Protein backbone atom coordinates (compact mmCIF):
# COMPACT_ATOMS: atom_id res chain seq x y z
CA ARG A 1 0.00 0.00 0.00
CA PHE A 2 1.05 3.55 -0.73
CA VAL A 3 0.22 7.11 0.24
CA ALA A 4 1.16 9.93 -2.15
CA SER A 5 1.53 13.65 -1.61
CA GLY A 6 2.46 16.57 -3.81
CA GLY A 7 3.20 20.17 -3.05
CA LEU A 8 4.99 23.39 -3.76
CA ASP A 9 8.35 21.63 -4.14
CA ASN A 10 7.28 20.43 -7.64
CA ARG A 11 7.53 16.74 -6.80
CA VAL A 12 5.32 13.80 -5.91
CA THR A 13 6.41 11.80 -2.89
CA ILE A 14 5.12 8.26 -2.38
CA PHE A 15 5.34 6.58 1.01
CA ARG A 16 4.96 2.86 1.57
CA VAL A 17 2.44 1.98 4.28
CA GLY A 18 2.75 -1.11 6.45
CA GLU A 19 4.66 -2.35 9.48
CA ASP A 20 7.69 -3.58 7.55
CA GLU A 21 7.79 -0.69 5.08
CA GLU A 22 7.40 2.51 7.08
CA ASN A 23 11.15 2.93 7.55
CA GLU A 24 11.93 2.63 3.83
CA ASP A 25 12.92 5.73 1.89
CA PRO A 26 10.02 7.33 0.04
CA ILE A 27 9.75 7.24 -3.75
CA THR A 28 10.22 10.67 -5.31
CA LEU A 29 8.89 11.58 -8.75
CA ASN A 30 10.65 14.60 -10.22
CA GLY A 31 9.73 16.11 -13.57
CA HIS A 32 7.27 18.95 -13.07
CA GLU A 33 8.37 22.58 -13.29
CA GLY A 34 5.48 23.82 -11.15
CA TYR A 35 3.71 22.87 -7.95
CA ILE A 36 1.77 19.60 -7.79
CA SER A 37 -1.96 20.33 -7.66
CA ASN A 38 -3.22 16.75 -7.79
CA CYS A 39 -1.99 13.16 -7.95
CA ARG A 40 -3.86 9.89 -8.37
CA PHE A 41 -2.91 6.25 -8.39
CA LEU A 42 -4.02 4.40 -11.50
CA SER A 43 -2.66 1.14 -10.04
CA ALA A 44 0.14 0.04 -7.72
CA GLU A 45 2.47 0.52 -10.69
CA GLU A 46 1.26 3.84 -12.18
CA MET A 47 0.49 7.34 -10.95
CA LEU A 48 -0.90 10.41 -12.71
CA SER A 49 0.06 13.89 -11.53
CA ALA A 50 -1.18 17.39 -12.43
CA SER A 51 0.80 20.58 -11.98
CA GLY A 52 0.93 24.33 -12.11
CA ASP A 53 3.32 23.91 -15.04
CA SER A 54 0.25 23.19 -17.27
CA HIS A 55 1.09 19.49 -17.70
CA CYS A 56 -0.04 16.10 -16.46
CA ILE A 57 2.49 13.27 -16.22
CA LEU A 58 1.90 9.52 -16.22
CA TRP A 59 4.51 7.83 -14.03
CA ASP A 60 5.96 4.35 -13.68
CA ILE A 61 6.24 4.17 -9.88
CA GLU A 62 8.87 1.42 -9.75
CA THR A 63 11.31 3.06 -12.16
CA GLN A 64 10.33 6.63 -11.17
CA GLN A 65 10.27 7.50 -14.88
CA GLN A 66 7.74 9.32 -17.00
CA LYS A 67 5.63 7.11 -19.25
CA GLY A 68 3.78 10.01 -20.82
CA LYS A 69 3.37 13.77 -20.62
CA PHE A 70 0.06 15.43 -21.42
CA SER A 71 -0.02 19.02 -22.61
CA GLY A 72 -2.81 21.23 -23.89
CA HIS A 73 -3.55 23.64 -21.08
CA SER A 74 -2.23 27.20 -21.19
CA SER A 75 -2.21 27.54 -17.40
CA ASP A 76 -2.27 25.52 -14.19
CA VAL A 77 -3.86 22.06 -14.25
CA MET A 78 -5.86 21.84 -11.03
CA SER A 79 -7.45 18.40 -11.15
CA ILE A 80 -7.37 15.05 -12.89
CA SER A 81 -10.03 12.37 -13.20
CA PRO A 82 -8.89 9.14 -14.82
CA CYS A 83 -11.47 6.73 -16.19
CA PRO A 84 -10.70 3.09 -15.32
């Protein structure tokens, strides 16, 4: 299990939740040039983030790499709503 947070430091931080995992280093997703306004898990392997840099990024959580970058807004992206 995971808990994710995003903020004004332009990154998504993912923490593992569970007795054996709470002392592990968090996973950090770097790639936005603006604050993180929203983040959502698509699965235990993928995360989607939205930012004040006008982009959304699809992440591979394990590799901490971008799988896709979505552009089209001319200003801050405030929310995301993936359809399963």
